[in-house]
Protein backbone atom coordinates (compact mmCIF):
# COMPACT_ATOMS: atom_id res chain seq x y z
CA UNK A 1 0.00 0.00 0.00
CA UNK A 2 1.36 3.39 -0.94
CA UNK A 3 0.04 4.91 2.30
CA UNK A 4 2.39 2.90 4.50
CA UNK A 5 5.62 4.34 5.85
CA UNK A 6 8.35 2.02 4.60
CA UNK A 7 11.64 2.88 6.24
CA UNK A 8 14.69 3.77 4.12
CA UNK A 9 16.15 5.45 7.16
CA UNK A 10 12.83 6.78 8.45
CA UNK A 11 9.73 5.62 10.29
CA UNK A 12 8.13 2.24 9.58
CA UNK A 13 4.53 1.06 9.92
CA UNK A 14 4.21 -2.29 11.71
CA UNK A 15 1.36 -4.80 12.11
CA UNK A 16 1.34 -6.43 15.56
CA UNK A 17 -0.15 -9.94 15.84
CA UNK A 18 -0.95 -11.22 19.34
CA UNK A 19 -0.91 -15.03 19.33
CA UNK A 20 -3.22 -16.22 22.10
CA UNK A 21 -6.42 -18.16 22.72
CA UNK A 22 -7.24 -16.29 25.94
CA UNK A 23 -6.09 -12.68 25.59
CA UNK A 24 -7.80 -9.73 23.94
CA UNK A 25 -6.42 -6.46 22.59
CA UNK A 26 -7.69 -4.78 25.75
CA UNK A 27 -5.81 -7.00 28.21
CA UNK A 28 -2.71 -7.94 26.21
CA UNK A 29 0.38 -6.45 27.82
CA UNK A 30 2.93 -7.59 25.24
CA UNK A 31 1.23 -5.99 22.26
CA UNK A 32 0.77 -2.76 24.20
CA UNK A 33 4.47 -2.62 25.03
CA UNK A 34 5.43 -3.27 21.40
CA UNK A 35 3.23 -0.40 20.22
CA UNK A 36 4.61 1.93 22.89
CA UNK A 37 8.27 1.09 22.25
CA UNK A 38 7.85 1.37 18.47
CA UNK A 39 6.32 4.83 18.95
CA UNK A 40 9.18 5.84 21.24
CA UNK A 41 11.61 4.93 18.43
CA UNK A 42 9.64 6.90 15.84
CA UNK A 43 7.83 3.94 14.26
CA UNK A 44 4.10 3.14 14.38
CA UNK A 45 1.98 0.09 15.19
CA UNK A 46 -0.82 0.53 12.66
CA UNK A 47 -2.85 -2.44 13.91
CA UNK A 48 -3.02 -4.97 16.72
CA UNK A 49 -4.72 -8.25 15.90
CA UNK A 50 -5.44 -11.20 18.19
CA UNK A 51 -4.85 -14.54 16.45
CA UNK A 52 -5.67 -17.97 17.88
CA UNK A 53 -2.68 -20.15 18.75
CA UNK A 54 -3.15 -22.51 15.80
CA UNK A 55 -0.66 -22.94 12.96
CA UNK A 56 -3.15 -22.26 10.18
CA UNK A 57 -4.59 -19.14 11.83
CA UNK A 58 -1.13 -17.69 12.40
CA UNK A 59 -0.12 -18.30 8.78
CA UNK A 60 -3.31 -16.71 7.46
CA UNK A 61 -2.82 -13.62 9.62
CA UNK A 62 0.78 -13.17 8.47
CA UNK A 63 -0.20 -13.74 4.85
CA UNK A 64 -2.95 -11.13 5.11
CA UNK A 65 -0.58 -8.52 6.56
CA UNK A 66 1.97 -9.19 3.81
CA UNK A 67 -0.65 -9.02 1.05
CA UNK A 68 -1.94 -5.74 2.53
CA UNK A 69 1.52 -4.29 1.98
CA UNK A 70 2.41 -3.73 5.63
CA UNK A 71 6.18 -3.01 5.73
CA UNK A 72 6.89 -5.13 8.84
CA UNK A 73 5.12 -7.59 11.15
CA UNK A 74 5.79 -8.44 14.81
CA UNK A 75 4.12 -11.45 16.44
CA UNK A 76 4.05 -11.77 20.22
CA UNK A 77 3.36 -15.06 21.97
CA UNK A 78 3.73 -18.76 21.20
CA UNK A 79 7.55 -18.87 21.15
CA UNK A 80 8.16 -21.06 24.20
CA UNK A 81 8.48 -24.83 24.53
CA UNK A 82 4.91 -25.71 25.55
CA UNK A 83 2.81 -27.82 23.15
CA UNK A 84 0.64 -24.79 22.36
CA UNK A 85 3.67 -22.69 21.36
CA UNK A 86 3.49 -23.06 17.57
CA UNK A 87 4.39 -19.60 16.25
CA UNK A 88 7.88 -20.60 14.98
CA UNK A 89 6.43 -23.73 13.34
CA UNK A 90 3.78 -21.64 11.60
CA UNK A 91 6.33 -19.16 10.25
CA UNK A 92 9.05 -21.57 9.13
CA UNK A 93 7.60 -22.49 5.69
CA UNK A 94 6.66 -18.86 4.98
CA UNK A 95 10.16 -17.46 5.32
CA UNK A 96 11.92 -16.79 2.02
CA UNK A 97 14.98 -15.83 4.04
CA UNK A 98 15.72 -16.36 7.72
CA UNK A 99 17.24 -13.76 10.01
CA UNK A 100 18.96 -16.17 12.39
CA UNK A 101 20.96 -13.45 14.10
CA UNK A 102 17.78 -12.05 15.66
CA UNK A 103 16.99 -15.19 17.66
CA UNK A 104 20.63 -15.67 18.60
CA UNK A 105 20.98 -12.13 19.91
CA UNK A 106 17.64 -12.25 21.73
CA UNK A 107 18.66 -15.39 23.60
CA UNK A 108 22.07 -13.89 24.38
CA UNK A 109 20.46 -10.80 25.91
CA UNK A 110 17.94 -12.95 27.80
CA UNK A 111 20.77 -15.06 29.22
CA UNK A 112 22.04 -12.01 31.09
CA UNK A 113 18.67 -11.85 32.85
CA UNK A 114 17.65 -15.46 33.48
CA UNK A 115 20.65 -17.65 32.74
CA UNK A 116 20.30 -21.02 31.04
CA UNK A 117 16.50 -20.74 30.86
CA UNK A 118 17.05 -18.36 27.93
CA UNK A 119 17.58 -21.41 25.70
CA UNK A 120 13.85 -22.16 26.01
CA UNK A 121 12.94 -19.18 23.85
CA UNK A 122 12.22 -19.86 20.17
CA UNK A 123 12.18 -16.19 19.15
CA UNK A 124 12.69 -16.07 15.37
CA UNK A 125 12.71 -13.63 12.47
CA UNK A 126 12.82 -13.76 8.70
CA UNK A 127 11.47 -12.27 5.49
CA UNK A 128 8.14 -13.26 3.92
CA UNK A 129 8.06 -11.98 0.34
CA UNK A 130 9.48 -8.54 1.00
CA UNK A 131 8.22 -8.08 4.56
CA UNK A 132 10.39 -8.59 7.67
CA UNK A 133 8.53 -10.71 10.23
CA UNK A 134 9.60 -11.04 13.88
CA UNK A 135 8.25 -13.46 16.51
CA UNK A 136 8.92 -12.62 20.16
CA UNK A 137 7.65 -13.98 23.50
CA UNK A 138 4.40 -12.79 25.00
CA UNK A 139 5.72 -11.18 28.17
CA UNK A 140 5.95 -7.38 28.24
CA UNK A 141 9.57 -7.58 29.44
CA UNK A 142 10.57 -9.73 26.47
CA UNK A 143 8.70 -7.46 24.05
CA UNK A 144 10.47 -4.42 25.46
CA UNK A 145 13.86 -6.13 25.18
CA UNK A 146 13.24 -7.24 21.60
CA UNK A 147 11.97 -3.89 20.33
CA UNK A 148 14.37 -1.60 22.21
CA UNK A 149 17.56 -3.59 21.73
CA UNK A 150 17.06 -5.36 18.40
CA UNK A 151 14.07 -4.47 16.24
CA UNK A 152 13.70 -0.69 16.46
CA UNK A 153 17.38 0.21 15.90
CA UNK A 154 17.59 -1.73 12.60
CA UNK A 155 13.99 -1.74 11.39
CA UNK A 156 14.25 1.11 8.86
CA UNK A 157 17.50 -0.26 7.44
CA UNK A 158 16.15 -3.81 7.18
CA UNK A 159 12.88 -2.78 5.54
CA UNK A 160 14.79 -0.69 3.02
CA UNK A 161 17.08 -3.59 2.12
CA UNK A 162 14.35 -6.17 1.56
CA UNK A 163 12.03 -3.77 -0.27
CA UNK A 164 14.75 -2.83 -2.74
CA UNK A 165 15.99 -6.33 -3.53
CA UNK A 166 13.15 -8.79 -2.99
CA UNK A 167 10.60 -10.15 -5.40
CA UNK A 168 7.07 -8.85 -5.11
CA UNK A 169 5.69 -12.39 -4.97
CA UNK A 170 4.43 -13.72 -1.66
CA UNK A 171 5.07 -17.45 -1.11
CA UNK A 172 1.98 -19.61 -1.17
CA UNK A 173 0.86 -21.17 2.05
CA UNK A 174 1.80 -24.85 2.29
CA UNK A 175 -0.94 -27.45 2.17
CA UNK A 176 -2.08 -28.24 5.69
CA UNK A 177 -3.36 -31.53 7.02
CA UNK A 178 -5.65 -29.97 9.59
CA UNK A 179 -9.17 -28.82 8.58
CA UNK A 180 -9.57 -25.25 7.41
CA UNK A 181 -10.22 -22.79 10.24
CA UNK A 182 -11.72 -19.35 9.98
CA UNK A 183 -9.46 -16.41 10.81
CA UNK A 184 -11.15 -14.20 13.38
CA UNK A 185 -9.57 -10.75 13.58
CA UNK A 186 -9.89 -8.54 16.64
CA UNK A 187 -8.43 -5.09 16.06
CA UNK A 188 -7.63 -2.25 18.41
CA UNK A 189 -10.56 -0.27 17.09
CA UNK A 190 -12.93 -3.15 17.86
CA UNK A 191 -11.58 -4.90 20.97
CA UNK A 192 -13.08 -8.23 21.85
CA UNK A 193 -14.99 -8.51 25.09
CA UNK A 194 -13.28 -10.63 27.74
CA UNK A 195 -14.56 -14.21 28.06
CA UNK A 196 -17.81 -14.37 29.96
CA UNK A 197 -17.65 -15.93 33.39
CA UNK A 198 -19.59 -19.17 33.87
CA UNK A 199 -22.95 -18.92 35.61
CA UNK A 200 -22.41 -18.12 39.26
CA UNK A 201 -18.96 -16.63 38.65
CA UNK A 202 -16.99 -19.68 39.77
CA UNK A 203 -16.28 -23.09 38.35
CA UNK A 204 -15.66 -26.12 40.50
CA UNK A 205 -12.50 -28.02 39.69
CA UNK A 206 -14.38 -30.93 38.13
CA UNK A 207 -16.26 -28.76 35.64
CA UNK A 208 -16.22 -30.03 32.05
CA UNK A 209 -15.12 -27.64 29.30
CA UNK A 210 -17.52 -26.68 26.55
CA UNK A 211 -16.56 -26.17 22.92
CA UNK A 212 -15.33 -28.34 20.09
CA UNK A 213 -13.11 -30.69 22.09
CA UNK A 214 -15.03 -33.39 23.96
CA UNK A 215 -14.33 -33.62 27.68
CA UNK A 216 -12.46 -36.72 28.82
CA UNK A 217 -14.43 -39.38 30.61
CA UNK A 218 -14.77 -38.87 34.37
CA UNK A 219 -11.99 -40.55 36.30
CA UNK A 220 -10.64 -40.53 39.83
CA UNK A 221 -9.33 -37.16 40.94
CA UNK A 222 -5.65 -36.50 40.35
CA UNK A 223 -3.21 -35.07 42.93
CA UNK A 224 -3.86 -31.45 41.98
CA UNK A 225 -7.63 -31.89 42.15
CA UNK A 226 -7.42 -33.51 45.58
CA UNK A 227 -5.19 -30.70 46.80
CA UNK A 228 -7.67 -28.03 45.70
CA UNK A 229 -10.49 -29.84 47.47
CA UNK A 230 -8.35 -29.99 50.62
CA UNK A 231 -7.88 -26.22 50.38
CA UNK A 232 -11.59 -25.63 49.75
CA UNK A 233 -10.78 -23.83 46.51
CA UNK A 234 -12.79 -22.97 43.42
CA UNK A 235 -11.55 -22.13 39.92
CA UNK A 236 -12.81 -19.52 37.49
CA UNK A 237 -11.47 -20.29 34.03
CA UNK A 238 -10.12 -18.04 31.27
CA UNK A 239 -8.83 -15.22 33.44
CA UNK A 240 -5.85 -14.72 35.73
CA UNK A 241 -4.39 -12.39 38.32
CA UNK A 242 -1.66 -9.94 37.21
CA UNK A 243 1.85 -11.34 37.31
CA UNK A 244 3.91 -10.26 40.35
CA UNK A 245 6.20 -7.40 39.36
CA UNK A 246 9.38 -9.49 39.63
CA UNK A 247 7.90 -12.30 37.54
CA UNK A 248 6.60 -9.89 34.89
CA UNK A 249 10.21 -9.04 34.03
CA UNK A 250 11.22 -12.70 33.59
CA UNK A 251 10.43 -13.54 29.96
CA UNK A 252 11.21 -17.31 30.08
CA UNK A 253 8.99 -17.79 33.15
CA UNK A 254 6.10 -15.86 31.60
CA UNK A 255 6.51 -17.76 28.31
CA UNK A 256 6.19 -21.12 30.06
CA UNK A 257 3.10 -20.03 32.00
CA UNK A 258 1.22 -18.39 29.13
CA UNK A 259 1.87 -21.56 27.12
CA UNK A 260 -0.39 -23.53 29.47
CA UNK A 261 -3.45 -25.09 27.91
CA UNK A 262 -5.75 -23.61 30.56
CA UNK A 263 -5.50 -20.65 32.90
CA UNK A 264 -7.80 -19.48 35.66
CA UNK A 265 -8.07 -17.93 39.10
CA UNK A 266 -8.04 -20.19 42.16
CA UNK A 267 -9.94 -18.70 45.12
CA UNK A 268 -9.50 -20.25 48.57
CA UNK A 269 -12.03 -20.21 51.41
CA UNK A 270 -10.06 -17.50 53.22
CA UNK A 271 -10.30 -15.20 50.18
CA UNK A 272 -6.75 -15.59 48.88
CA UNK A 273 -6.48 -15.79 45.10
CA UNK A 274 -3.88 -17.42 42.88
CA UNK A 275 -3.44 -17.61 39.14
CA UNK A 276 -3.64 -21.29 38.19
CA UNK A 277 -2.05 -22.81 35.09
CA UNK A 278 -2.75 -26.29 33.68
CA UNK A 279 -0.36 -28.29 31.49
CA UNK A 280 -1.92 -29.44 29.19
CA UNK A 281 -5.19 -28.28 30.80
CA UNK A 282 -7.28 -28.01 33.97
CA UNK A 283 -9.37 -31.10 33.23
CA UNK A 284 -7.12 -34.14 33.23
CA UNK A 285 -6.27 -35.74 36.58
CA UNK A 286 -2.73 -36.23 35.23
CA UNK A 287 -2.20 -32.55 34.37
CA UNK A 288 0.71 -30.58 35.79
CA UNK A 289 -0.78 -27.63 37.66
CA UNK A 290 1.00 -24.54 39.01
CA UNK A 291 -0.43 -21.72 41.12
CA UNK A 292 1.19 -18.31 41.48
CA UNK A 293 0.80 -15.18 43.60
CA UNK A 294 2.87 -12.43 45.20
CA UNK A 295 5.57 -13.65 47.59
CA UNK A 296 9.11 -13.16 48.80
CA UNK A 297 11.72 -12.96 47.30
CA UNK A 298 10.07 -13.33 43.88
CA UNK A 299 6.70 -15.03 44.19
CA UNK A 300 4.85 -17.92 45.76
CA UNK A 301 4.83 -20.71 43.20
CA UNK A 302 3.37 -24.11 44.11
CA UNK A 303 3.14 -27.28 42.01
CA UNK A 304 -0.22 -28.66 43.12
CA UNK A 305 0.42 -31.99 41.38
CA UNK A 306 3.52 -32.51 43.56
CA UNK A 307 2.35 -32.25 47.17
CA UNK A 308 4.66 -30.14 49.30
CA UNK A 309 6.52 -28.62 46.36
CA UNK A 310 6.92 -24.89 45.87
CA UNK A 311 8.70 -21.63 46.61
CA UNK A 312 8.22 -19.03 49.36
CA UNK A 313 8.01 -21.81 51.95
CA UNK A 314 9.00 -19.44 54.77
CA UNK A 315 6.40 -16.78 54.03
CA UNK A 316 3.21 -16.36 56.10
CA UNK A 317 0.00 -17.69 54.68
CA UNK A 318 1.55 -19.89 52.03
CA UNK A 319 0.20 -23.22 50.82
CA UNK A 320 3.09 -25.40 52.00
CA UNK A 321 2.88 -26.94 55.47
CA UNK A 322 6.63 -26.50 56.08
CA UNK A 323 6.59 -22.72 55.72
CA UNK A 324 7.44 -21.98 59.38
CA UNK A 325 9.85 -24.86 59.98
CA UNK A 326 13.59 -24.61 60.57
CA UNK A 327 15.73 -24.99 57.42
CA UNK A 328 17.70 -27.91 58.83
CA UNK A 329 14.50 -29.63 59.97
CA UNK A 330 12.89 -29.27 56.56
CA UNK A 331 16.00 -30.58 54.79
CA UNK A 332 16.20 -33.55 57.13
CA UNK A 333 12.52 -34.35 56.61
CA UNK A 334 12.80 -34.12 52.81
CA UNK A 335 16.23 -35.60 51.98
CA UNK A 336 17.33 -37.18 55.27
CA UNK A 337 20.18 -34.79 56.14
CA UNK A 338 20.58 -31.09 56.97
CA UNK A 339 22.55 -28.96 54.51
CA UNK A 340 26.31 -28.68 55.09
CA UNK A 341 27.94 -25.73 56.84
CA UNK A 342 27.13 -23.63 59.87
CA UNK A 343 24.97 -21.22 57.86
CA UNK A 344 22.38 -23.15 55.81
CA UNK A 345 20.90 -19.94 54.45
CA UNK A 346 17.21 -19.35 53.83
CA UNK A 347 14.75 -21.83 52.39
CA UNK A 348 14.01 -20.80 48.79
CA UNK A 349 11.92 -23.82 47.73
CA UNK A 350 11.17 -27.45 48.50
CA UNK A 351 10.46 -30.40 46.23
CA UNK A 352 9.85 -34.08 46.75
CA UNK A 353 13.52 -34.96 46.41
CA UNK A 354 15.41 -31.78 47.29
CA UNK A 355 15.46 -28.47 49.13
CA UNK A 356 16.63 -25.22 47.58
CA UNK A 357 18.73 -22.85 49.68
CA UNK A 358 19.29 -19.13 49.20
CA UNK A 359 22.68 -18.02 50.45
CA UNK A 360 23.39 -14.34 49.89
CA UNK A 361 21.38 -14.20 46.68
CA UNK A 362 22.72 -17.46 45.22
CA UNK A 363 20.44 -20.50 45.13
CA UNK A 364 21.61 -24.10 45.34
CA UNK A 365 19.84 -27.47 45.32
CA UNK A 366 20.56 -29.84 48.24
CA UNK A 367 19.63 -33.48 47.63
CA UNK A 368 21.12 -34.93 50.81
CA UNK A 369 24.40 -35.81 49.14
CA UNK A 370 25.63 -32.83 47.15
CA UNK A 371 24.85 -29.15 46.80
CA UNK A 372 24.24 -28.09 43.19
CA UNK A 373 24.49 -24.34 42.37
CA UNK A 374 21.60 -22.95 40.31
CA UNK A 375 22.56 -19.28 40.06
CA UNK A 376 20.53 -16.27 41.15
CA UNK A 377 17.00 -16.45 42.52
CA UNK A 378 15.64 -15.39 39.12
CA UNK A 379 17.58 -18.11 37.33
CA UNK A 380 16.51 -20.72 39.88
CA UNK A 381 12.85 -19.75 39.57
CA UNK A 382 13.00 -20.02 35.78
CA UNK A 383 14.47 -23.53 36.06
CA UNK A 384 11.87 -24.63 38.60
CA UNK A 385 8.93 -23.33 36.56
CA UNK A 386 10.12 -25.35 33.59
CA UNK A 387 10.76 -28.47 35.67
CA UNK A 388 7.50 -28.39 37.60
CA UNK A 389 5.37 -27.71 34.53
CA UNK A 390 6.78 -30.86 32.90
CA UNK A 391 6.69 -33.29 35.86
């Protein structure tokens, strides 16, 4: 389109695609940050579109933006390692050229923040026809990092290069095995309403989902379901509490959580609320289920499917029964021996086979035989979120 600003050393118009099955334009933090940071650099987000986290829908949305002549596209969400994270898979056959340096640099910069967990990001970029396309994680912190440090500084130059030398043809979409799905576009001018709450406002943990996918046959409750019943909790699906401030800035942690198949709010009898995340969902007894709320030093994170496993075990009002116990006593109860040394440090987390100790800002894992260093509290939390969402 001749009306678009196309770079060549100046401002660039960008289409922002939010890949999510639960978010809307109104409540999406990542897309908002992208638009704000582009504007701060002199560029412009001309549209924000919510796209379902399905390969075919993502491809159709990218294809539409390219055919509309938008100079650049940024997708946010779906770049983690969860089964629902399919953005890189959707883009791969569309790229006429890959920009591998983008993903490499993004992971390098993320490593400075979260350590080895940065390898879990599948942030990618490439050129579709003559349009640069970037895919970044869904967390606002990751979006800010990607735009400020990588995309905005080179966007005008990159758009100019590909517009001068590329063919005008847009590659055809590959034939897909899955049935054709309709692309539903939700733009900033017409934001979608948030999902309606079920009748009564709350959903018991054994509620069956509605929609296209049939609910699994009723079976005996799994560990996480029994734990919620013990706590007297109820779940409201398709909404969540805001991330704690410290967690919001940890892109790999946010990417793992938003990749969950189901999200909701867990409300306990005493009024406390937690965001609850189900891998692959909040229906199966075998699901891996994490709950999250504010806590010290980073957050209270509990794996409900692993009884007695979580962080912030020394904080008041937490879910773990060992929260007020002595560090040495907890370690002895869990692994059979207290940690070595006269100063065991503070209890950072417990699991079924280990305790995690915080000594002057450095976290280590004590299994009763050897102490394994994990890095900073942020790095340790990122590792535990990944581990507990998979086990």
